[in-house]
Each structure stands twice: as structure tokens, then as C-alpha cells.
Amino acid sequence: MESWKPNPQAAPFVPRKHGTRTLIHPHLSGPSYIYRHKLLAKIFQFLLVLVLLITIVINIVFILDTSRRLQEESTHTVIQDDVEGRDVASLEQSQAQLEESAPKMLTIEVLSSQSRVAVSVDGATILEDAEKSEGRGIHVLVLNQATGSVMAQRIFDTYSPHEDEAMALFLNMVSDGRIIIFAIKDEGTFQMKQPARELLHRLGSRRAQLISWRDMWAMVAQKAVRMYGESFSKSTDAPHVLKSVLLLK
């Protein structure tokens, strides 16, 4: 070794680099592997699409079935309501016809006194005057002969002059067939002359010629038809009540 001498003409020594080699399994490379990978991806996509289509079909069937049931229930309800509505309408019509065919009775009560007059129809007060120093004279109330509703109301202070003439004029203007109610409060004859008494007599009064100073008097009549009731008493502090029942036509 001592006799060895380096060769100046020799090339420098460079160590060889060994690269890292990746070992690939022969089944994981090549055209067959790529083909199988693509095939599996397509199969997976197809399954997803199939599941989506099945879900859509199920939803559509559910919606159609629900709509059909709702429509059937709605139709059944409409038919039932229509039948019930017809039954109710028929019942109401029958009741209305029965009410129309049945006679309508009207109960009238008239109170005459020195301090108060009142008129009630079927228990409902339609006229009341109890004011002191007011409402003296003959109270007149006109009712409709078909419905019993109030058509007119007047007070004629026949204690004073010419009030009897005004009462006669008013009564002559009332249509035939109307129900007329009379009641005296306090005093109603001092200035009532013979023509007014005769008019009351023609309306059916049997006491028109007998009523005098502060007498109590009440009458219910239907003009040109009939007189339903009349009450009369001589001057007294006690109220006088007339009750009449009449048929509406």
C-alpha cells in the first residue's frame, strides 16, 4: 500500500444515489383497475338515482291518496251540511206556515185613573203616563190590526176648549180596521161636546153619553169592525182596569 500513488488523470469519485422505489401491487394498477373503479362509481350513482326516484314516487302516491281522502271527506261534509240545511230550512218553513195558519191573539190591558194611564200588550207596557199635572184628558193609541204594532199616539186635553174637535178630526183620519185604545187620565169630559160623544158611540162605546166629571173610562175598539171592551166607573181614587183579548187579522 505504501507504493500506491493516486492517478491525477482519474475522474473524481461520486457516490451513487439510490432513489426510493415505490412498490405497487400489480392488481392496483393498470386498465382493469381503472375500469372497475369507474364501474363501481356508476353503479353507486345509479343506486342513488333509483332511491331518489322511489322516494319521489312514494311521496306522489302519498299526496294523491291524502288529496283523495280529503276530497271524499269534504264531499261527505258538503252533502251532510246540505241535507241538514234542507232539513232545518224545511222545519223553519213548516213552523212559519204553522205560525201563519195559527190565529194570533193579542191581550190588551188598559188602566185609567186620576193620576196614571197605562196600556200593555201581551204583558209589555207600550204606554204609561204618571206625571203629575201632565197628560190630562183622553189618551188615544192606534195599533196595526195585523201585527199589533203602534201606529199613532195622541193626548187630547178635553178639559180644555176645542180639544174634542181635534180628537174627532184625528179619529176620522184613522183607517178602518185599525185597533183604537182610549183611556182617561184625571178628567176628560168638561169640554167634550155632543159631536165627539156621538163619534165615540159610532166606534162602539155604550158609555159615551154617560161619562162625566172625572169619571174613569177605557175602551178598545176596531174601527168600523167591532168594539172589544169598555170599562166605566164614576169618579174614584182607585184605578180602573180594562182587559181585552182580540184576534189579529
C-alpha atoms as a PDB file:
ATOM      1  CA  MET A   1       0.000   0.000   0.000  1.00  0.00           C
ATOM      2  CA  GLU A   2       2.827   2.347   0.563  1.00  0.00           C
ATOM      3  CA  SER A   3       3.828   2.089  -3.077  1.00  0.00           C
ATOM      4  CA  TRP A   4       0.286   3.235  -4.268  1.00  0.00           C
ATOM      5  CA  LYS A   5       0.082   6.617  -5.808  1.00  0.00           C
ATOM      6  CA  PRO A   6      -3.055   8.430  -6.915  1.00  0.00           C
ATOM      7  CA  ASN A   7      -3.651   8.882 -10.587  1.00  0.00           C
ATOM      8  CA  PRO A   8      -4.066  12.557 -11.253  1.00  0.00           C
ATOM      9  CA  GLN A   9      -5.832  11.768 -14.525  1.00  0.00           C
ATOM     10  CA  ALA A  10      -8.592   9.724 -12.874  1.00  0.00           C
ATOM     11  CA  ALA A  11     -12.143  11.153 -12.572  1.00  0.00           C
ATOM     12  CA  PRO A  12     -13.348  12.106  -9.114  1.00  0.00           C
ATOM     13  CA  PHE A  13     -15.367   9.552  -7.202  1.00  0.00           C
ATOM     14  CA  VAL A  14     -19.039  10.374  -6.870  1.00  0.00           C
ATOM     15  CA  PRO A  15     -21.181   8.064  -4.724  1.00  0.00           C
ATOM     16  CA  ARG A  16     -24.263   6.612  -6.437  1.00  0.00           C
ATOM     17  CA  LYS A  17     -27.655   7.800  -5.099  1.00  0.00           C
ATOM     18  CA  HIS A  18     -30.214   5.067  -4.727  1.00  0.00           C
ATOM     19  CA  GLY A  19     -33.780   6.538  -5.158  1.00  0.00           C
ATOM     20  CA  THR A  20     -36.703   5.251  -3.117  1.00  0.00           C
ATOM     21  CA  ARG A  21     -38.716   2.810  -5.152  1.00  0.00           C
ATOM     22  CA  THR A  22     -42.467   2.527  -4.556  1.00  0.00           C
ATOM     23  CA  LEU A  23     -43.777  -0.921  -4.754  1.00  0.00           C
ATOM     24  CA  ILE A  24     -47.198  -1.036  -6.475  1.00  0.00           C
ATOM     25  CA  HIS A  25     -49.317  -4.126  -6.335  1.00  0.00           C
ATOM     26  CA  PRO A  26     -49.936  -5.319  -9.853  1.00  0.00           C
ATOM     27  CA  HIS A  27     -53.751  -5.631  -9.158  1.00  0.00           C
ATOM     28  CA  LEU A  28     -53.991  -1.928  -8.169  1.00  0.00           C
ATOM     29  CA  SER A  29     -52.648  -0.569 -11.370  1.00  0.00           C
ATOM     30  CA  GLY A  30     -53.396  -0.943 -14.936  1.00  0.00           C
ATOM     31  CA  PRO A  31     -56.506  -0.579 -17.166  1.00  0.00           C
ATOM     32  CA  SER A  32     -58.561  -3.249 -15.394  1.00  0.00           C
ATOM     33  CA  TYR A  33     -58.323  -1.454 -12.062  1.00  0.00           C
ATOM     34  CA  ILE A  34     -59.464   1.898 -13.557  1.00  0.00           C
ATOM     35  CA  TYR A  35     -62.346   0.191 -15.334  1.00  0.00           C
ATOM     36  CA  ARG A  36     -63.584  -1.465 -12.154  1.00  0.00           C
ATOM     37  CA  HIS A  37     -63.343   1.810 -10.279  1.00  0.00           C
ATOM     38  CA  LYS A  38     -65.459   3.634 -12.865  1.00  0.00           C
ATOM     39  CA  LEU A  39     -67.966   0.770 -12.925  1.00  0.00           C
ATOM     40  CA  LEU A  40     -68.436   0.899  -9.157  1.00  0.00           C
ATOM     41  CA  ALA A  41     -68.903   4.681  -9.282  1.00  0.00           C
ATOM     42  CA  LYS A  42     -71.586   4.331 -11.967  1.00  0.00           C
ATOM     43  CA  ILE A  43     -73.359   1.599 -10.002  1.00  0.00           C
ATOM     44  CA  PHE A  44     -73.354   3.802  -6.892  1.00  0.00           C
ATOM     45  CA  GLN A  45     -74.737   6.757  -8.862  1.00  0.00           C
ATOM     46  CA  PHE A  46     -77.434   4.538 -10.351  1.00  0.00           C
ATOM     47  CA  LEU A  47     -78.451   3.322  -6.902  1.00  0.00           C
ATOM     48  CA  LEU A  48     -78.680   6.896  -5.626  1.00  0.00           C
ATOM     49  CA  VAL A  49     -80.865   7.904  -8.575  1.00  0.00           C
ATOM     50  CA  LEU A  50     -83.033   4.818  -8.061  1.00  0.00           C
ATOM     51  CA  VAL A  51     -83.520   5.601  -4.362  1.00  0.00           C
ATOM     52  CA  LEU A  52     -84.383   9.209  -5.236  1.00  0.00           C
ATOM     53  CA  LEU A  53     -86.942   8.094  -7.831  1.00  0.00           C
ATOM     54  CA  ILE A  54     -88.518   5.630  -5.405  1.00  0.00           C
ATOM     55  CA  THR A  55     -88.758   8.376  -2.766  1.00  0.00           C
ATOM     56  CA  ILE A  56     -90.407  10.739  -5.253  1.00  0.00           C
ATOM     57  CA  VAL A  57     -92.906   8.074  -6.328  1.00  0.00           C
ATOM     58  CA  ILE A  58     -93.782   7.281  -2.701  1.00  0.00           C
ATOM     59  CA  ASN A  59     -94.325  10.981  -1.945  1.00  0.00           C
ATOM     60  CA  ILE A  60     -96.521  11.422  -5.013  1.00  0.00           C
ATOM     61  CA  VAL A  61     -98.630   8.384  -4.089  1.00  0.00           C
ATOM     62  CA  PHE A  62     -98.975   9.678  -0.507  1.00  0.00           C
ATOM     63  CA  ILE A  63    -100.021  13.142  -1.720  1.00  0.00           C
ATOM     64  CA  LEU A  64    -102.569  11.705  -4.154  1.00  0.00           C
ATOM     65  CA  ASP A  65    -104.021   9.404  -1.502  1.00  0.00           C
ATOM     66  CA  THR A  66    -104.250  12.229   1.035  1.00  0.00           C
ATOM     67  CA  SER A  67    -105.908  14.512  -1.516  1.00  0.00           C
ATOM     68  CA  ARG A  68    -108.424  11.806  -2.408  1.00  0.00           C
ATOM     69  CA  ARG A  69    -109.341  11.207   1.230  1.00  0.00           C
ATOM     70  CA  LEU A  70    -109.675  14.928   1.911  1.00  0.00           C
ATOM     71  CA  GLN A  71    -111.866  15.323  -1.155  1.00  0.00           C
ATOM     72  CA  GLU A  72    -114.073  12.427  -0.065  1.00  0.00           C
ATOM     73  CA  GLU A  73    -114.378  13.859   3.440  1.00  0.00           C
ATOM     74  CA  SER A  74    -115.146  17.307   2.019  1.00  0.00           C
ATOM     75  CA  THR A  75    -117.782  15.885  -0.317  1.00  0.00           C
ATOM     76  CA  HIS A  76    -119.334  13.930   2.540  1.00  0.00           C
ATOM     77  CA  THR A  77    -119.363  17.036   4.736  1.00  0.00           C
ATOM     78  CA  VAL A  78    -120.931  19.167   1.991  1.00  0.00           C
ATOM     79  CA  ILE A  79    -123.607  16.552   1.371  1.00  0.00           C
ATOM     80  CA  GLN A  80    -124.298  16.226   5.096  1.00  0.00           C
ATOM     81  CA  ASP A  81    -124.437  20.010   5.552  1.00  0.00           C
ATOM     82  CA  ASP A  82    -126.720  20.306   2.542  1.00  0.00           C
ATOM     83  CA  VAL A  83    -129.054  17.647   3.908  1.00  0.00           C
ATOM     84  CA  GLU A  84    -129.026  19.199   7.370  1.00  0.00           C
ATOM     85  CA  GLY A  85    -129.536  22.660   5.863  1.00  0.00           C
ATOM     86  CA  ARG A  86    -132.516  21.405   3.879  1.00  0.00           C
ATOM     87  CA  ASP A  87    -133.931  19.750   6.970  1.00  0.00           C
ATOM     88  CA  VAL A  88    -133.541  22.957   9.000  1.00  0.00           C
ATOM     89  CA  ALA A  89    -134.996  25.071   6.187  1.00  0.00           C
ATOM     90  CA  SER A  90    -137.903  22.664   5.817  1.00  0.00           C
ATOM     91  CA  LEU A  91    -138.506  22.712   9.575  1.00  0.00           C
ATOM     92  CA  GLU A  92    -138.366  26.517   9.705  1.00  0.00           C
ATOM     93  CA  GLN A  93    -140.720  26.745   6.738  1.00  0.00           C
ATOM     94  CA  SER A  94    -143.150  24.338   8.397  1.00  0.00           C
ATOM     95  CA  GLN A  95    -143.000  26.310  11.637  1.00  0.00           C
ATOM     96  CA  ALA A  96    -143.543  29.562   9.747  1.00  0.00           C
ATOM     97  CA  GLN A  97    -146.528  28.079   7.924  1.00  0.00           C
ATOM     98  CA  LEU A  98    -147.890  26.772  11.215  1.00  0.00           C
ATOM     99  CA  GLU A  99    -147.465  30.173  12.833  1.00  0.00           C
ATOM    100  CA  GLU A 100    -149.121  31.857   9.878  1.00  0.00           C
ATOM    101  CA  SER A 101    -152.022  29.438   9.910  1.00  0.00           C
ATOM    102  CA  ALA A 102    -152.467  29.633  13.693  1.00  0.00           C
ATOM    103  CA  PRO A 103    -154.639  32.513  14.934  1.00  0.00           C
ATOM    104  CA  LYS A 104    -152.683  35.328  16.585  1.00  0.00           C
ATOM    105  CA  MET A 105    -154.222  36.510  19.816  1.00  0.00           C
ATOM    106  CA  LEU A 106    -153.453  39.848  21.419  1.00  0.00           C
ATOM    107  CA  THR A 107    -154.096  40.569  25.089  1.00  0.00           C
ATOM    108  CA  ILE A 108    -154.532  44.271  25.857  1.00  0.00           C
ATOM    109  CA  GLU A 109    -154.763  45.786  29.336  1.00  0.00           C
ATOM    110  CA  VAL A 110    -155.760  49.439  29.782  1.00  0.00           C
ATOM    111  CA  LEU A 111    -155.530  51.339  33.071  1.00  0.00           C
ATOM    112  CA  SER A 112    -157.479  54.563  33.661  1.00  0.00           C
ATOM    113  CA  SER A 113    -157.140  56.609  36.849  1.00  0.00           C
ATOM    114  CA  GLN A 114    -156.888  60.157  38.123  1.00  0.00           C
ATOM    115  CA  SER A 115    -153.078  60.087  38.274  1.00  0.00           C
ATOM    116  CA  ARG A 116    -151.989  57.460  35.769  1.00  0.00           C
ATOM    117  CA  VAL A 117    -152.810  55.788  32.468  1.00  0.00           C
ATOM    118  CA  ALA A 118    -151.079  52.709  31.087  1.00  0.00           C
ATOM    119  CA  VAL A 119    -151.500  50.314  28.172  1.00  0.00           C
ATOM    120  CA  SER A 120    -149.811  46.923  27.904  1.00  0.00           C
ATOM    121  CA  VAL A 121    -149.906  44.413  25.047  1.00  0.00           C
ATOM    122  CA  ASP A 122    -149.159  40.776  25.898  1.00  0.00           C
ATOM    123  CA  GLY A 123    -147.584  41.936  29.152  1.00  0.00           C
ATOM    124  CA  ALA A 124    -145.333  44.577  27.558  1.00  0.00           C
ATOM    125  CA  THR A 125    -146.067  48.189  28.501  1.00  0.00           C
ATOM    126  CA  ILE A 126    -146.372  50.335  25.376  1.00  0.00           C
ATOM    127  CA  LEU A 127    -147.846  53.440  27.034  1.00  0.00           C
ATOM    128  CA  GLU A 128    -147.526  54.852  30.537  1.00  0.00           C
ATOM    129  CA  ASP A 129    -148.141  58.360  31.832  1.00  0.00           C
ATOM    130  CA  ALA A 130    -147.875  59.004  35.556  1.00  0.00           C
ATOM    131  CA  GLU A 131    -146.502  62.549  35.507  1.00  0.00           C
ATOM    132  CA  LYS A 132    -148.231  64.926  37.882  1.00  0.00           C
ATOM    133  CA  SER A 133    -150.078  67.842  36.277  1.00  0.00           C
ATOM    134  CA  GLU A 134    -149.367  66.418  32.812  1.00  0.00           C
ATOM    135  CA  GLY A 135    -151.193  64.184  30.357  1.00  0.00           C
ATOM    136  CA  ARG A 136    -154.687  65.197  31.414  1.00  0.00           C
ATOM    137  CA  GLY A 137    -157.515  64.187  29.098  1.00  0.00           C
ATOM    138  CA  ILE A 138    -158.169  61.269  26.751  1.00  0.00           C
ATOM    139  CA  HIS A 139    -155.172  59.187  25.647  1.00  0.00           C
ATOM    140  CA  VAL A 140    -155.619  57.567  22.237  1.00  0.00           C
ATOM    141  CA  LEU A 141    -153.417  54.754  20.909  1.00  0.00           C
ATOM    142  CA  VAL A 142    -153.719  53.268  17.398  1.00  0.00           C
ATOM    143  CA  LEU A 143    -152.423  49.736  16.680  1.00  0.00           C
ATOM    144  CA  ASN A 144    -151.973  47.821  13.446  1.00  0.00           C
ATOM    145  CA  GLN A 145    -154.686  45.167  13.230  1.00  0.00           C
ATOM    146  CA  ALA A 146    -152.333  42.588  11.631  1.00  0.00           C
ATOM    147  CA  THR A 147    -149.179  42.980  13.732  1.00  0.00           C
ATOM    148  CA  GLY A 148    -150.225  44.839  16.874  1.00  0.00           C
ATOM    149  CA  SER A 149    -147.519  47.469  16.369  1.00  0.00           C
ATOM    150  CA  VAL A 150    -148.136  51.075  17.424  1.00  0.00           C
ATOM    151  CA  MET A 151    -149.231  53.279  14.530  1.00  0.00           C
ATOM    152  CA  ALA A 152    -150.012  56.533  16.384  1.00  0.00           C
ATOM    153  CA  GLN A 153    -150.360  58.041  19.860  1.00  0.00           C
ATOM    154  CA  ARG A 154    -152.161  61.216  20.891  1.00  0.00           C
ATOM    155  CA  ILE A 155    -153.368  63.030  24.035  1.00  0.00           C
ATOM    156  CA  PHE A 156    -156.455  65.256  23.818  1.00  0.00           C
ATOM    157  CA  ASP A 157    -156.997  67.528  26.835  1.00  0.00           C
ATOM    158  CA  THR A 158    -160.773  67.543  26.506  1.00  0.00           C
ATOM    159  CA  TYR A 159    -160.944  69.532  29.731  1.00  0.00           C
ATOM    160  CA  SER A 160    -159.896  72.479  27.524  1.00  0.00           C
ATOM    161  CA  PRO A 161    -161.902  74.004  24.639  1.00  0.00           C
ATOM    162  CA  HIS A 162    -161.741  72.596  21.066  1.00  0.00           C
ATOM    163  CA  GLU A 163    -159.724  69.522  22.061  1.00  0.00           C
ATOM    164  CA  ASP A 164    -162.806  67.380  21.425  1.00  0.00           C
ATOM    165  CA  GLU A 165    -162.895  68.702  17.850  1.00  0.00           C
ATOM    166  CA  ALA A 166    -159.209  67.848  17.365  1.00  0.00           C
ATOM    167  CA  MET A 167    -159.883  64.337  18.681  1.00  0.00           C
ATOM    168  CA  ALA A 168    -162.814  63.881  16.289  1.00  0.00           C
ATOM    169  CA  LEU A 169    -160.670  65.050  13.359  1.00  0.00           C
ATOM    170  CA  PHE A 170    -157.899  62.618  14.279  1.00  0.00           C
ATOM    171  CA  LEU A 171    -160.289  59.662  14.699  1.00  0.00           C
ATOM    172  CA  ASN A 172    -161.887  60.357  11.317  1.00  0.00           C
ATOM    173  CA  MET A 173    -158.426  60.186   9.716  1.00  0.00           C
ATOM    174  CA  VAL A 174    -157.680  56.749  11.188  1.00  0.00           C
ATOM    175  CA  SER A 175    -158.119  53.980   8.600  1.00  0.00           C
ATOM    176  CA  ASP A 176    -160.930  51.470   9.003  1.00  0.00           C
ATOM    177  CA  GLY A 177    -159.826  48.250  10.661  1.00  0.00           C
ATOM    178  CA  ARG A 178    -157.251  49.865  12.937  1.00  0.00           C
ATOM    179  CA  ILE A 179    -157.343  49.000  16.635  1.00  0.00           C
ATOM    180  CA  ILE A 180    -158.030  52.109  18.751  1.00  0.00           C
ATOM    181  CA  ILE A 181    -157.437  52.247  22.510  1.00  0.00           C
ATOM    182  CA  PHE A 182    -158.910  55.008  24.724  1.00  0.00           C
ATOM    183  CA  ALA A 183    -158.114  55.858  28.354  1.00  0.00           C
ATOM    184  CA  ILE A 184    -158.925  58.897  30.512  1.00  0.00           C
ATOM    185  CA  LYS A 185    -156.405  60.381  32.922  1.00  0.00           C
ATOM    186  CA  ASP A 186    -157.645  62.795  35.616  1.00  0.00           C
ATOM    187  CA  GLU A 187    -160.502  64.488  33.696  1.00  0.00           C
ATOM    188  CA  GLY A 188    -161.622  64.242  30.076  1.00  0.00           C
ATOM    189  CA  THR A 189    -165.227  65.409  29.661  1.00  0.00           C
ATOM    190  CA  PHE A 190    -165.518  69.045  30.759  1.00  0.00           C
ATOM    191  CA  GLN A 191    -165.259  70.368  27.166  1.00  0.00           C
ATOM    192  CA  MET A 192    -166.334  67.204  25.299  1.00  0.00           C
ATOM    193  CA  LYS A 193    -169.397  68.181  23.297  1.00  0.00           C
ATOM    194  CA  GLN A 194    -172.116  66.069  21.747  1.00  0.00           C
ATOM    195  CA  PRO A 195    -170.488  65.502  18.285  1.00  0.00           C
ATOM    196  CA  ALA A 196    -167.431  63.925  19.929  1.00  0.00           C
ATOM    197  CA  ARG A 197    -169.651  61.725  22.134  1.00  0.00           C
ATOM    198  CA  GLU A 198    -171.619  60.578  19.090  1.00  0.00           C
ATOM    199  CA  LEU A 199    -168.389  59.699  17.292  1.00  0.00           C
ATOM    200  CA  LEU A 200    -167.307  57.554  20.250  1.00  0.00           C
ATOM    201  CA  HIS A 201    -170.744  55.920  20.161  1.00  0.00           C
ATOM    202  CA  ARG A 202    -170.306  55.065  16.459  1.00  0.00           C
ATOM    203  CA  LEU A 203    -166.972  53.455  17.309  1.00  0.00           C
ATOM    204  CA  GLY A 204    -168.862  51.135  19.679  1.00  0.00           C
ATOM    205  CA  SER A 205    -168.995  52.931  23.023  1.00  0.00           C
ATOM    206  CA  ARG A 206    -172.077  52.303  25.162  1.00  0.00           C
ATOM    207  CA  ARG A 207    -170.964  54.772  27.823  1.00  0.00           C
ATOM    208  CA  ALA A 208    -170.084  57.799  25.696  1.00  0.00           C
ATOM    209  CA  GLN A 209    -173.220  59.697  26.800  1.00  0.00           C
ATOM    210  CA  LEU A 210    -172.711  58.816  30.472  1.00  0.00           C
ATOM    211  CA  ILE A 211    -169.102  59.869  31.037  1.00  0.00           C
ATOM    212  CA  SER A 212    -168.972  62.939  33.261  1.00  0.00           C
ATOM    213  CA  TRP A 213    -166.674  64.937  35.531  1.00  0.00           C
ATOM    214  CA  ARG A 214    -163.546  62.964  36.492  1.00  0.00           C
ATOM    215  CA  ASP A 215    -165.059  59.586  35.644  1.00  0.00           C
ATOM    216  CA  MET A 216    -162.703  56.745  34.712  1.00  0.00           C
ATOM    217  CA  TRP A 217    -163.208  55.304  31.227  1.00  0.00           C
ATOM    218  CA  ALA A 218    -161.328  52.986  28.869  1.00  0.00           C
ATOM    219  CA  MET A 219    -162.258  51.325  25.591  1.00  0.00           C
ATOM    220  CA  VAL A 220    -160.704  49.023  22.973  1.00  0.00           C
ATOM    221  CA  ALA A 221    -162.333  49.019  19.538  1.00  0.00           C
ATOM    222  CA  GLN A 222    -161.567  48.173  15.933  1.00  0.00           C
ATOM    223  CA  LYS A 223    -162.749  50.982  13.716  1.00  0.00           C
ATOM    224  CA  ALA A 224    -165.729  50.069  11.535  1.00  0.00           C
ATOM    225  CA  VAL A 225    -165.483  46.443  12.724  1.00  0.00           C
ATOM    226  CA  ARG A 226    -166.364  45.920  16.387  1.00  0.00           C
ATOM    227  CA  MET A 227    -165.890  47.042  19.971  1.00  0.00           C
ATOM    228  CA  TYR A 228    -163.797  44.613  22.039  1.00  0.00           C
ATOM    229  CA  GLY A 229    -164.259  46.023  25.509  1.00  0.00           C
ATOM    230  CA  GLU A 230    -165.240  49.078  27.527  1.00  0.00           C
ATOM    231  CA  SER A 231    -164.972  49.922  31.222  1.00  0.00           C
ATOM    232  CA  PHE A 232    -166.518  52.816  33.101  1.00  0.00           C
ATOM    233  CA  SER A 233    -166.690  53.939  36.712  1.00  0.00           C
ATOM    234  CA  LYS A 234    -167.761  57.081  38.467  1.00  0.00           C
ATOM    235  CA  SER A 235    -165.152  59.399  39.916  1.00  0.00           C
ATOM    236  CA  THR A 236    -162.920  57.456  42.280  1.00  0.00           C
ATOM    237  CA  ASP A 237    -159.367  57.407  43.520  1.00  0.00           C
ATOM    238  CA  ALA A 238    -158.976  53.714  42.641  1.00  0.00           C
ATOM    239  CA  PRO A 239    -157.571  52.925  39.171  1.00  0.00           C
ATOM    240  CA  HIS A 240    -159.870  51.189  36.706  1.00  0.00           C
ATOM    241  CA  VAL A 241    -158.500  48.369  34.511  1.00  0.00           C
ATOM    242  CA  LEU A 242    -159.913  47.020  31.253  1.00  0.00           C
ATOM    243  CA  LYS A 243    -158.664  43.724  29.811  1.00  0.00           C
ATOM    244  CA  SER A 244    -159.473  42.688  26.237  1.00  0.00           C
ATOM    245  CA  VAL A 245    -158.373  39.755  24.098  1.00  0.00           C
ATOM    246  CA  LEU A 246    -158.612  40.194  20.347  1.00  0.00           C
ATOM    247  CA  LEU A 247    -157.701  38.295  17.202  1.00  0.00           C
ATOM    248  CA  LEU A 248    -155.202  39.810  14.777  1.00  0.00           C
ATOM    249  CA  LYS A 249    -156.168  39.648  11.109  1.00  0.00           C
END
